[in-house]
Amino acid sequence: MKKSIGTVHTFHGKETTIVIIYLGVGEDHEGAANWASNSPDILNVAVTRAKNRVIIVGNKKL
């Protein structure tokens, strides 16, 4: 399986089998975790790149 790593912008206009979205911020950087709710267009691009599966990894407390 070919693996690629990049930002949401890197994958704009492309598709892949699985997309893993890593929301990796510490509890002291809550503002950085808000990008998904503040930028629904970017989140939409991230989620719709996947053909089969989307995996979201992050701290549910944030």
PDB file of N, CA and C in Angstrom:
ATOM      1  N   MET A   1       0.836  -1.164   0.000  1.00  0.00           N
ATOM      2  CA  MET A   1       0.000   0.000   0.000  1.00  0.00           C
ATOM      3  C   MET A   1       0.891   1.241   0.000  1.00  0.00           C
ATOM      4  N   LYS A   2       0.602   2.156  -0.886  1.00  0.00           N
ATOM      5  CA  LYS A   2       1.346   3.408  -0.956  1.00  0.00           C
ATOM      6  C   LYS A   2       0.886   4.326   0.169  1.00  0.00           C
ATOM      7  N   LYS A   3       1.842   4.960   0.849  1.00  0.00           N
ATOM      8  CA  LYS A   3       1.527   5.855   1.956  1.00  0.00           C
ATOM      9  C   LYS A   3       1.978   7.264   1.617  1.00  0.00           C
ATOM     10  N   SER A   4       1.142   8.225   1.929  1.00  0.00           N
ATOM     11  CA  SER A   4       1.474   9.631   1.721  1.00  0.00           C
ATOM     12  C   SER A   4       1.104  10.409   2.968  1.00  0.00           C
ATOM     13  N   ILE A   5       1.918  11.388   3.306  1.00  0.00           N
ATOM     14  CA  ILE A   5       1.665  12.249   4.455  1.00  0.00           C
ATOM     15  C   ILE A   5       1.661  13.681   3.965  1.00  0.00           C
ATOM     16  N   GLY A   6       0.710  14.458   4.439  1.00  0.00           N
ATOM     17  CA  GLY A   6       0.658  15.859   4.044  1.00  0.00           C
ATOM     18  C   GLY A   6      -0.455  16.588   4.769  1.00  0.00           C
ATOM     19  N   THR A   7      -0.583  17.845   4.472  1.00  0.00           N
ATOM     20  CA  THR A   7      -1.653  18.651   5.046  1.00  0.00           C
ATOM     21  C   THR A   7      -2.935  18.432   4.250  1.00  0.00           C
ATOM     22  N   VAL A   8      -4.016  18.971   4.754  1.00  0.00           N
ATOM     23  CA  VAL A   8      -5.286  18.907   4.030  1.00  0.00           C
ATOM     24  C   VAL A   8      -5.114  19.503   2.639  1.00  0.00           C
ATOM     25  N   HIS A   9      -4.381  20.595   2.562  1.00  0.00           N
ATOM     26  CA  HIS A   9      -4.176  21.279   1.284  1.00  0.00           C
ATOM     27  C   HIS A   9      -3.397  20.409   0.289  1.00  0.00           C
ATOM     28  N   THR A  10      -2.501  19.573   0.789  1.00  0.00           N
ATOM     29  CA  THR A  10      -1.731  18.672  -0.069  1.00  0.00           C
ATOM     30  C   THR A  10      -2.643  17.709  -0.820  1.00  0.00           C
ATOM     31  N   PHE A  11      -3.716  17.283  -0.172  1.00  0.00           N
ATOM     32  CA  PHE A  11      -4.595  16.267  -0.742  1.00  0.00           C
ATOM     33  C   PHE A  11      -5.830  16.833  -1.428  1.00  0.00           C
ATOM     34  N   HIS A  12      -5.924  18.131  -1.517  1.00  0.00           N
ATOM     35  CA  HIS A  12      -7.081  18.743  -2.188  1.00  0.00           C
ATOM     36  C   HIS A  12      -7.131  18.273  -3.642  1.00  0.00           C
ATOM     37  N   GLY A  13      -8.267  17.739  -4.062  1.00  0.00           N
ATOM     38  CA  GLY A  13      -8.422  17.244  -5.429  1.00  0.00           C
ATOM     39  C   GLY A  13      -7.936  15.826  -5.639  1.00  0.00           C
ATOM     40  N   LYS A  14      -7.465  15.160  -4.595  1.00  0.00           N
ATOM     41  CA  LYS A  14      -6.972  13.781  -4.702  1.00  0.00           C
ATOM     42  C   LYS A  14      -7.831  12.874  -3.831  1.00  0.00           C
ATOM     43  N   GLU A  15      -7.747  11.568  -4.074  1.00  0.00           N
ATOM     44  CA  GLU A  15      -8.437  10.576  -3.259  1.00  0.00           C
ATOM     45  C   GLU A  15      -7.445   9.545  -2.760  1.00  0.00           C
ATOM     46  N   THR A  16      -7.791   8.914  -1.664  1.00  0.00           N
ATOM     47  CA  THR A  16      -6.988   7.836  -1.113  1.00  0.00           C
ATOM     48  C   THR A  16      -7.921   6.855  -0.410  1.00  0.00           C
ATOM     49  N   THR A  17      -7.456   5.658  -0.147  1.00  0.00           N
ATOM     50  CA  THR A  17      -8.300   4.638   0.463  1.00  0.00           C
ATOM     51  C   THR A  17      -8.676   4.995   1.894  1.00  0.00           C
ATOM     52  N   ILE A  18      -7.685   5.387   2.683  1.00  0.00           N
ATOM     53  CA  ILE A  18      -7.892   5.707   4.096  1.00  0.00           C
ATOM     54  C   ILE A  18      -7.308   7.084   4.383  1.00  0.00           C
ATOM     55  N   VAL A  19      -8.034   7.876   5.156  1.00  0.00           N
ATOM     56  CA  VAL A  19      -7.528   9.166   5.620  1.00  0.00           C
ATOM     57  C   VAL A  19      -7.455   9.115   7.140  1.00  0.00           C
ATOM     58  N   ILE A  20      -6.307   9.478   7.680  1.00  0.00           N
ATOM     59  CA  ILE A  20      -6.140   9.590   9.127  1.00  0.00           C
ATOM     60  C   ILE A  20      -5.955  11.068   9.433  1.00  0.00           C
ATOM     61  N   ILE A  21      -6.842  11.606  10.248  1.00  0.00           N
ATOM     62  CA  ILE A  21      -6.757  13.005  10.656  1.00  0.00           C
ATOM     63  C   ILE A  21      -6.247  13.020  12.088  1.00  0.00           C
ATOM     64  N   TYR A  22      -5.094  13.623  12.285  1.00  0.00           N
ATOM     65  CA  TYR A  22      -4.477  13.670  13.606  1.00  0.00           C
ATOM     66  C   TYR A  22      -4.625  15.073  14.164  1.00  0.00           C
ATOM     67  N   LEU A  23      -5.407  15.188  15.227  1.00  0.00           N
ATOM     68  CA  LEU A  23      -5.607  16.469  15.892  1.00  0.00           C
ATOM     69  C   LEU A  23      -4.680  16.507  17.100  1.00  0.00           C
ATOM     70  N   GLY A  24      -3.411  16.634  16.844  1.00  0.00           N
ATOM     71  CA  GLY A  24      -2.409  16.526  17.894  1.00  0.00           C
ATOM     72  C   GLY A  24      -2.027  17.854  18.507  1.00  0.00           C
ATOM     73  N   VAL A  25      -2.720  18.210  19.565  1.00  0.00           N
ATOM     74  CA  VAL A  25      -2.360  19.410  20.315  1.00  0.00           C
ATOM     75  C   VAL A  25      -2.418  19.082  21.794  1.00  0.00           C
ATOM     76  N   GLY A  26      -1.621  19.784  22.566  1.00  0.00           N
ATOM     77  CA  GLY A  26      -1.652  19.609  24.005  1.00  0.00           C
ATOM     78  C   GLY A  26      -2.817  20.370  24.616  1.00  0.00           C
ATOM     79  N   GLU A  27      -3.160  20.036  25.852  1.00  0.00           N
ATOM     80  CA  GLU A  27      -4.269  20.705  26.521  1.00  0.00           C
ATOM     81  C   GLU A  27      -4.026  22.198  26.700  1.00  0.00           C
ATOM     82  N   ASP A  28      -2.767  22.615  26.677  1.00  0.00           N
ATOM     83  CA  ASP A  28      -2.451  24.037  26.830  1.00  0.00           C
ATOM     84  C   ASP A  28      -2.541  24.798  25.510  1.00  0.00           C
ATOM     85  N   HIS A  29      -2.945  24.131  24.427  1.00  0.00           N
ATOM     86  CA  HIS A  29      -3.091  24.766  23.112  1.00  0.00           C
ATOM     87  C   HIS A  29      -4.491  24.532  22.549  1.00  0.00           C
ATOM     88  N   GLU A  30      -5.505  24.774  23.367  1.00  0.00           N
ATOM     89  CA  GLU A  30      -6.879  24.493  22.945  1.00  0.00           C
ATOM     90  C   GLU A  30      -7.273  25.253  21.686  1.00  0.00           C
ATOM     91  N   GLY A  31      -6.775  26.454  21.504  1.00  0.00           N
ATOM     92  CA  GLY A  31      -7.113  27.244  20.322  1.00  0.00           C
ATOM     93  C   GLY A  31      -6.725  26.548  19.035  1.00  0.00           C
ATOM     94  N   ALA A  32      -5.603  25.848  19.044  1.00  0.00           N
ATOM     95  CA  ALA A  32      -5.144  25.141  17.849  1.00  0.00           C
ATOM     96  C   ALA A  32      -6.069  23.980  17.506  1.00  0.00           C
ATOM     97  N   ALA A  33      -6.753  23.441  18.488  1.00  0.00           N
ATOM     98  CA  ALA A  33      -7.658  22.318  18.250  1.00  0.00           C
ATOM     99  C   ALA A  33      -8.961  22.761  17.604  1.00  0.00           C
ATOM    100  N   ASN A  34      -9.237  24.037  17.602  1.00  0.00           N
ATOM    101  CA  ASN A  34     -10.507  24.546  17.082  1.00  0.00           C
ATOM    102  C   ASN A  34     -10.530  24.724  15.572  1.00  0.00           C
ATOM    103  N   TRP A  35      -9.454  24.390  14.873  1.00  0.00           N
ATOM    104  CA  TRP A  35      -9.429  24.607  13.426  1.00  0.00           C
ATOM    105  C   TRP A  35     -10.567  23.873  12.730  1.00  0.00           C
ATOM    106  N   ALA A  36     -10.919  22.691  13.224  1.00  0.00           N
ATOM    107  CA  ALA A  36     -11.962  21.897  12.564  1.00  0.00           C
ATOM    108  C   ALA A  36     -13.328  22.571  12.670  1.00  0.00           C
ATOM    109  N   SER A  37     -13.635  23.122  13.824  1.00  0.00           N
ATOM    110  CA  SER A  37     -14.931  23.788  13.971  1.00  0.00           C
ATOM    111  C   SER A  37     -14.922  25.188  13.378  1.00  0.00           C
ATOM    112  N   ASN A  38     -13.754  25.822  13.339  1.00  0.00           N
ATOM    113  CA  ASN A  38     -13.657  27.173  12.776  1.00  0.00           C
ATOM    114  C   ASN A  38     -13.502  27.169  11.257  1.00  0.00           C
ATOM    115  N   SER A  39     -13.101  26.042  10.687  1.00  0.00           N
ATOM    116  CA  SER A  39     -12.870  25.943   9.240  1.00  0.00           C
ATOM    117  C   SER A  39     -13.561  24.705   8.672  1.00  0.00           C
ATOM    118  N   PRO A  40     -14.891  24.703   8.638  1.00  0.00           N
ATOM    119  CA  PRO A  40     -15.588  23.500   8.160  1.00  0.00           C
ATOM    120  C   PRO A  40     -15.244  23.131   6.719  1.00  0.00           C
ATOM    121  N   ASP A  41     -14.842  24.103   5.902  1.00  0.00           N
ATOM    122  CA  ASP A  41     -14.450  23.796   4.519  1.00  0.00           C
ATOM    123  C   ASP A  41     -13.222  22.893   4.495  1.00  0.00           C
ATOM    124  N   ILE A  42     -12.259  23.195   5.357  1.00  0.00           N
ATOM    125  CA  ILE A  42     -11.027  22.400   5.413  1.00  0.00           C
ATOM    126  C   ILE A  42     -11.326  21.008   5.954  1.00  0.00           C
ATOM    127  N   LEU A  43     -12.156  20.918   6.975  1.00  0.00           N
ATOM    128  CA  LEU A  43     -12.535  19.615   7.515  1.00  0.00           C
ATOM    129  C   LEU A  43     -13.268  18.797   6.454  1.00  0.00           C
ATOM    130  N   ASN A  44     -14.123  19.426   5.689  1.00  0.00           N
ATOM    131  CA  ASN A  44     -14.840  18.741   4.610  1.00  0.00           C
ATOM    132  C   ASN A  44     -13.870  18.164   3.586  1.00  0.00           C
ATOM    133  N   VAL A  45     -12.866  18.927   3.203  1.00  0.00           N
ATOM    134  CA  VAL A  45     -11.856  18.431   2.260  1.00  0.00           C
ATOM    135  C   VAL A  45     -11.148  17.223   2.855  1.00  0.00           C
ATOM    136  N   ALA A  46     -10.764  17.306   4.126  1.00  0.00           N
ATOM    137  CA  ALA A  46     -10.042  16.202   4.770  1.00  0.00           C
ATOM    138  C   ALA A  46     -10.876  14.924   4.774  1.00  0.00           C
ATOM    139  N   VAL A  47     -12.127  15.033   5.149  1.00  0.00           N
ATOM    140  CA  VAL A  47     -12.990  13.858   5.280  1.00  0.00           C
ATOM    141  C   VAL A  47     -13.367  13.267   3.920  1.00  0.00           C
ATOM    142  N   THR A  48     -13.574  14.098   2.932  1.00  0.00           N
ATOM    143  CA  THR A  48     -14.042  13.597   1.631  1.00  0.00           C
ATOM    144  C   THR A  48     -12.932  13.082   0.722  1.00  0.00           C
ATOM    145  N   ARG A  49     -11.701  13.069   1.175  1.00  0.00           N
ATOM    146  CA  ARG A  49     -10.605  12.487   0.384  1.00  0.00           C
ATOM    147  C   ARG A  49     -10.608  10.974   0.484  1.00  0.00           C
ATOM    148  N   ALA A  50     -11.254  10.416   1.506  1.00  0.00           N
ATOM    149  CA  ALA A  50     -11.213   8.971   1.755  1.00  0.00           C
ATOM    150  C   ALA A  50     -12.225   8.221   0.900  1.00  0.00           C
ATOM    151  N   LYS A  51     -11.775   7.111   0.303  1.00  0.00           N
ATOM    152  CA  LYS A  51     -12.676   6.235  -0.452  1.00  0.00           C
ATOM    153  C   LYS A  51     -13.392   5.265   0.486  1.00  0.00           C
ATOM    154  N   ASN A  52     -12.687   4.760   1.513  1.00  0.00           N
ATOM    155  CA  ASN A  52     -13.243   3.711   2.361  1.00  0.00           C
ATOM    156  C   ASN A  52     -13.340   4.045   3.841  1.00  0.00           C
ATOM    157  N   ARG A  53     -12.381   4.777   4.385  1.00  0.00           N
ATOM    158  CA  ARG A  53     -12.336   4.917   5.841  1.00  0.00           C
ATOM    159  C   ARG A  53     -11.704   6.237   6.252  1.00  0.00           C
ATOM    160  N   VAL A  54     -12.273   6.840   7.309  1.00  0.00           N
ATOM    161  CA  VAL A  54     -11.697   8.030   7.935  1.00  0.00           C
ATOM    162  C   VAL A  54     -11.434   7.687   9.395  1.00  0.00           C
ATOM    163  N   ILE A  55     -10.226   7.944   9.838  1.00  0.00           N
ATOM    164  CA  ILE A  55      -9.851   7.719  11.231  1.00  0.00           C
ATOM    165  C   ILE A  55      -9.435   9.067  11.804  1.00  0.00           C
ATOM    166  N   ILE A  56     -10.054   9.447  12.927  1.00  0.00           N
ATOM    167  CA  ILE A  56      -9.709  10.711  13.572  1.00  0.00           C
ATOM    168  C   ILE A  56      -9.069  10.385  14.909  1.00  0.00           C
ATOM    169  N   VAL A  57      -7.861  10.913  15.117  1.00  0.00           N
ATOM    170  CA  VAL A  57      -7.106  10.685  16.341  1.00  0.00           C
ATOM    171  C   VAL A  57      -6.958  12.024  17.044  1.00  0.00           C
ATOM    172  N   GLY A  58      -7.317  12.071  18.315  1.00  0.00           N
ATOM    173  CA  GLY A  58      -7.177  13.322  19.048  1.00  0.00           C
ATOM    174  C   GLY A  58      -7.633  13.174  20.488  1.00  0.00           C
ATOM    175  N   ASN A  59      -7.567  14.258  21.206  1.00  0.00           N
ATOM    176  CA  ASN A  59      -7.968  14.305  22.602  1.00  0.00           C
ATOM    177  C   ASN A  59      -9.430  14.742  22.665  1.00  0.00           C
ATOM    178  N   LYS A  60     -10.321  13.851  23.068  1.00  0.00           N
ATOM    179  CA  LYS A  60     -11.748  14.181  23.063  1.00  0.00           C
ATOM    180  C   LYS A  60     -12.104  15.261  24.077  1.00  0.00           C
ATOM    181  N   LYS A  61     -11.216  15.546  25.026  1.00  0.00           N
ATOM    182  CA  LYS A  61     -11.465  16.613  25.998  1.00  0.00           C
ATOM    183  C   LYS A  61     -11.338  17.989  25.361  1.00  0.00           C
ATOM    184  N   LEU A  62     -10.615  18.069  24.247  1.00  0.00           N
ATOM    185  CA  LEU A  62     -10.444  19.363  23.592  1.00  0.00           C
ATOM    186  C   LEU A  62     -11.585  19.586  22.646  1.00  0.00           C
TER     187      LEU A  62
END
